[in-house]
Amino acid sequence: MAHGDITHIDIPVSDLAKAQAFYSGLFGWEISEMPGYEGYPMWQAPNKISGGGLAPRSDDFTQPRSYVEVDSIEETVAAAVASGATVLMEKQPISETSWWAVISDPDGNSIGLYEGASE
């Protein structure tokens, strides 16, 4: 994927089993857990392009969040902050070759950033 592409959408859920049944039944999404990411089932749409995860709902994660591919999280965060954004979560590793961070745009919308290679 290229800089600026939406790579992933997380949906906050309270009951993983119920959410898996709901989304797979309603949309035909394939949903399964990946080794090393237990408790975070990943979904893939029938087009085999769109996808994301069913993530545990929390006080600070109550709405779906899109993740945007960036060439550099550090550079993107700096540009976002200079344009009025705030950092909700600093850069964190996902794997040895990928990282994520979360910002809030000037209107308060939460946006995830993704840098790296998908496994």
C-alpha atoms as a PDB file:
ATOM      1  CA  MET A   1       0.000   0.000   0.000  1.00  0.00           C
ATOM      2  CA  ALA A   2       1.040   3.579  -0.526  1.00  0.00           C
ATOM      3  CA  HIS A   3       1.272   6.597   1.756  1.00  0.00           C
ATOM      4  CA  GLY A   4      -2.280   7.816   2.385  1.00  0.00           C
ATOM      5  CA  ASP A   5      -4.079   4.509   1.718  1.00  0.00           C
ATOM      6  CA  ILE A   6      -6.497   3.282   4.364  1.00  0.00           C
ATOM      7  CA  THR A   7      -5.060  -0.052   5.411  1.00  0.00           C
ATOM      8  CA  HIS A   8      -7.190  -1.249   8.278  1.00  0.00           C
ATOM      9  CA  ILE A   9     -10.365  -0.499  10.246  1.00  0.00           C
ATOM     10  CA  ASP A  10     -10.760  -1.493  13.893  1.00  0.00           C
ATOM     11  CA  ILE A  11     -14.267  -1.928  15.279  1.00  0.00           C
ATOM     12  CA  PRO A  12     -14.649  -1.767  19.082  1.00  0.00           C
ATOM     13  CA  VAL A  13     -16.712  -4.628  20.491  1.00  0.00           C
ATOM     14  CA  SER A  14     -17.749  -5.798  23.967  1.00  0.00           C
ATOM     15  CA  ASP A  15     -18.415  -9.444  23.090  1.00  0.00           C
ATOM     16  CA  LEU A  16     -16.007 -10.941  20.535  1.00  0.00           C
ATOM     17  CA  ALA A  17     -18.060 -14.076  19.832  1.00  0.00           C
ATOM     18  CA  LYS A  18     -21.274 -12.116  19.336  1.00  0.00           C
ATOM     19  CA  ALA A  19     -19.510  -9.576  17.098  1.00  0.00           C
ATOM     20  CA  GLN A  20     -17.914 -12.328  14.997  1.00  0.00           C
ATOM     21  CA  ALA A  21     -21.309 -13.957  14.442  1.00  0.00           C
ATOM     22  CA  PHE A  22     -22.919 -10.598  13.647  1.00  0.00           C
ATOM     23  CA  TYR A  23     -20.358  -9.369  11.084  1.00  0.00           C
ATOM     24  CA  SER A  24     -19.721 -12.696   9.393  1.00  0.00           C
ATOM     25  CA  GLY A  25     -23.454 -13.368   9.105  1.00  0.00           C
ATOM     26  CA  LEU A  26     -24.396  -9.878   7.977  1.00  0.00           C
ATOM     27  CA  PHE A  27     -21.561  -9.105   5.543  1.00  0.00           C
ATOM     28  CA  GLY A  28     -19.940 -12.462   4.824  1.00  0.00           C
ATOM     29  CA  TRP A  29     -16.668 -11.347   6.408  1.00  0.00           C
ATOM     30  CA  GLU A  30     -14.065 -14.015   7.100  1.00  0.00           C
ATOM     31  CA  ILE A  31     -13.032 -13.553  10.740  1.00  0.00           C
ATOM     32  CA  SER A  32     -10.217 -15.384  12.514  1.00  0.00           C
ATOM     33  CA  GLU A  33      -7.482 -14.871  15.061  1.00  0.00           C
ATOM     34  CA  MET A  34      -3.894 -14.766  13.856  1.00  0.00           C
ATOM     35  CA  PRO A  35      -1.132 -16.506  15.820  1.00  0.00           C
ATOM     36  CA  GLY A  36       0.370 -14.021  18.239  1.00  0.00           C
ATOM     37  CA  TYR A  37      -2.725 -11.811  18.184  1.00  0.00           C
ATOM     38  CA  GLU A  38      -5.127 -13.888  20.269  1.00  0.00           C
ATOM     39  CA  GLY A  39      -8.159 -11.946  21.498  1.00  0.00           C
ATOM     40  CA  TYR A  40      -7.991  -9.689  18.441  1.00  0.00           C
ATOM     41  CA  PRO A  41      -9.818 -11.432  15.578  1.00  0.00           C
ATOM     42  CA  MET A  42      -9.105 -10.000  12.157  1.00  0.00           C
ATOM     43  CA  TRP A  43     -11.834  -9.574   9.542  1.00  0.00           C
ATOM     44  CA  GLN A  44     -11.558  -9.561   5.775  1.00  0.00           C
ATOM     45  CA  ALA A  45     -14.277  -8.480   3.377  1.00  0.00           C
ATOM     46  CA  PRO A  46     -15.246 -10.665   0.409  1.00  0.00           C
ATOM     47  CA  ASN A  47     -13.217  -8.378  -1.920  1.00  0.00           C
ATOM     48  CA  LYS A  48     -10.053  -9.645  -0.123  1.00  0.00           C
ATOM     49  CA  ILE A  49      -8.859  -6.015   0.088  1.00  0.00           C
ATOM     50  CA  SER A  50     -10.834  -4.392   2.907  1.00  0.00           C
ATOM     51  CA  GLY A  51     -10.170  -5.599   6.416  1.00  0.00           C
ATOM     52  CA  GLY A  52      -9.423  -4.819   9.999  1.00  0.00           C
ATOM     53  CA  GLY A  53      -9.920  -6.120  13.477  1.00  0.00           C
ATOM     54  CA  LEU A  54     -12.515  -6.561  16.174  1.00  0.00           C
ATOM     55  CA  ALA A  55     -10.834  -4.860  19.109  1.00  0.00           C
ATOM     56  CA  PRO A  56     -11.900  -4.789  22.752  1.00  0.00           C
ATOM     57  CA  ARG A  57     -14.054  -1.748  23.503  1.00  0.00           C
ATOM     58  CA  SER A  58     -12.642   0.597  26.154  1.00  0.00           C
ATOM     59  CA  ASP A  59     -13.361   4.057  27.562  1.00  0.00           C
ATOM     60  CA  ASP A  60     -10.992   5.616  25.028  1.00  0.00           C
ATOM     61  CA  PHE A  61     -12.004   3.394  22.094  1.00  0.00           C
ATOM     62  CA  THR A  62     -15.743   3.602  21.460  1.00  0.00           C
ATOM     63  CA  GLN A  63     -16.005   4.270  17.711  1.00  0.00           C
ATOM     64  CA  PRO A  64     -14.502   2.532  14.659  1.00  0.00           C
ATOM     65  CA  ARG A  65     -11.023   3.783  13.790  1.00  0.00           C
ATOM     66  CA  SER A  66      -9.437   3.821  10.338  1.00  0.00           C
ATOM     67  CA  TYR A  67      -5.683   3.362   9.987  1.00  0.00           C
ATOM     68  CA  VAL A  68      -3.793   5.200   7.267  1.00  0.00           C
ATOM     69  CA  GLU A  69      -0.537   3.924   5.755  1.00  0.00           C
ATOM     70  CA  VAL A  70       2.288   6.445   6.128  1.00  0.00           C
ATOM     71  CA  ASP A  71       5.911   6.451   5.034  1.00  0.00           C
ATOM     72  CA  SER A  72       7.039   7.725   8.455  1.00  0.00           C
ATOM     73  CA  ILE A  73       4.956   7.924  11.610  1.00  0.00           C
ATOM     74  CA  GLU A  74       7.381  10.451  13.117  1.00  0.00           C
ATOM     75  CA  GLU A  75       7.136  12.806  10.131  1.00  0.00           C
ATOM     76  CA  THR A  76       3.356  12.397   9.844  1.00  0.00           C
ATOM     77  CA  VAL A  77       2.806  13.031  13.564  1.00  0.00           C
ATOM     78  CA  ALA A  78       5.008  16.142  13.434  1.00  0.00           C
ATOM     79  CA  ALA A  79       3.085  17.498  10.425  1.00  0.00           C
ATOM     80  CA  ALA A  80      -0.251  16.657  12.053  1.00  0.00           C
ATOM     81  CA  VAL A  81       0.658  18.380  15.330  1.00  0.00           C
ATOM     82  CA  ALA A  82       1.881  21.431  13.404  1.00  0.00           C
ATOM     83  CA  SER A  83      -1.555  21.507  11.744  1.00  0.00           C
ATOM     84  CA  GLY A  84      -3.495  21.326  15.023  1.00  0.00           C
ATOM     85  CA  ALA A  85      -3.716  17.609  15.781  1.00  0.00           C
ATOM     86  CA  THR A  86      -2.950  16.005  19.132  1.00  0.00           C
ATOM     87  CA  VAL A  87      -1.214  12.706  19.796  1.00  0.00           C
ATOM     88  CA  LEU A  88      -3.459  10.137  21.494  1.00  0.00           C
ATOM     89  CA  MET A  89      -0.904   7.307  21.388  1.00  0.00           C
ATOM     90  CA  GLU A  90       2.793   7.580  20.579  1.00  0.00           C
ATOM     91  CA  LYS A  91       4.391   5.197  18.057  1.00  0.00           C
ATOM     92  CA  GLN A  92       4.238   1.585  19.293  1.00  0.00           C
ATOM     93  CA  PRO A  93       5.542  -1.621  17.689  1.00  0.00           C
ATOM     94  CA  ILE A  94       3.151  -4.141  16.187  1.00  0.00           C
ATOM     95  CA  SER A  95       5.897  -6.478  14.995  1.00  0.00           C
ATOM     96  CA  GLU A  96       9.589  -6.188  14.180  1.00  0.00           C
ATOM     97  CA  THR A  97       8.718  -4.496  10.878  1.00  0.00           C
ATOM     98  CA  SER A  98       5.560  -2.495  11.632  1.00  0.00           C
ATOM     99  CA  TRP A  99       4.364   0.235  13.996  1.00  0.00           C
ATOM    100  CA  TRP A 100       1.247   2.210  14.816  1.00  0.00           C
ATOM    101  CA  ALA A 101       0.238   5.459  16.499  1.00  0.00           C
ATOM    102  CA  VAL A 102      -3.011   7.361  16.998  1.00  0.00           C
ATOM    103  CA  ILE A 103      -3.701  11.055  16.528  1.00  0.00           C
ATOM    104  CA  SER A 104      -6.759  13.221  16.934  1.00  0.00           C
ATOM    105  CA  ASP A 105      -7.478  15.723  14.172  1.00  0.00           C
ATOM    106  CA  PRO A 106      -8.469  19.327  15.033  1.00  0.00           C
ATOM    107  CA  ASP A 107     -12.143  18.232  15.146  1.00  0.00           C
ATOM    108  CA  GLY A 108     -11.449  15.426  17.632  1.00  0.00           C
ATOM    109  CA  ASN A 109     -11.605  12.515  15.164  1.00  0.00           C
ATOM    110  CA  SER A 110      -9.326   9.630  16.078  1.00  0.00           C
ATOM    111  CA  ILE A 111      -7.084   8.478  13.199  1.00  0.00           C
ATOM    112  CA  GLY A 112      -4.684   5.550  13.352  1.00  0.00           C
ATOM    113  CA  LEU A 113      -1.337   5.654  11.571  1.00  0.00           C
ATOM    114  CA  TYR A 114       0.415   2.529  10.262  1.00  0.00           C
ATOM    115  CA  GLU A 115       3.997   2.216   9.080  1.00  0.00           C
ATOM    116  CA  GLY A 116       5.747  -0.926   7.933  1.00  0.00           C
ATOM    117  CA  ALA A 117       5.263  -4.256   6.282  1.00  0.00           C
ATOM    118  CA  SER A 118       2.265  -6.502   6.894  1.00  0.00           C
ATOM    119  CA  GLU A 119       3.094 -10.074   7.766  1.00  0.00           C
END
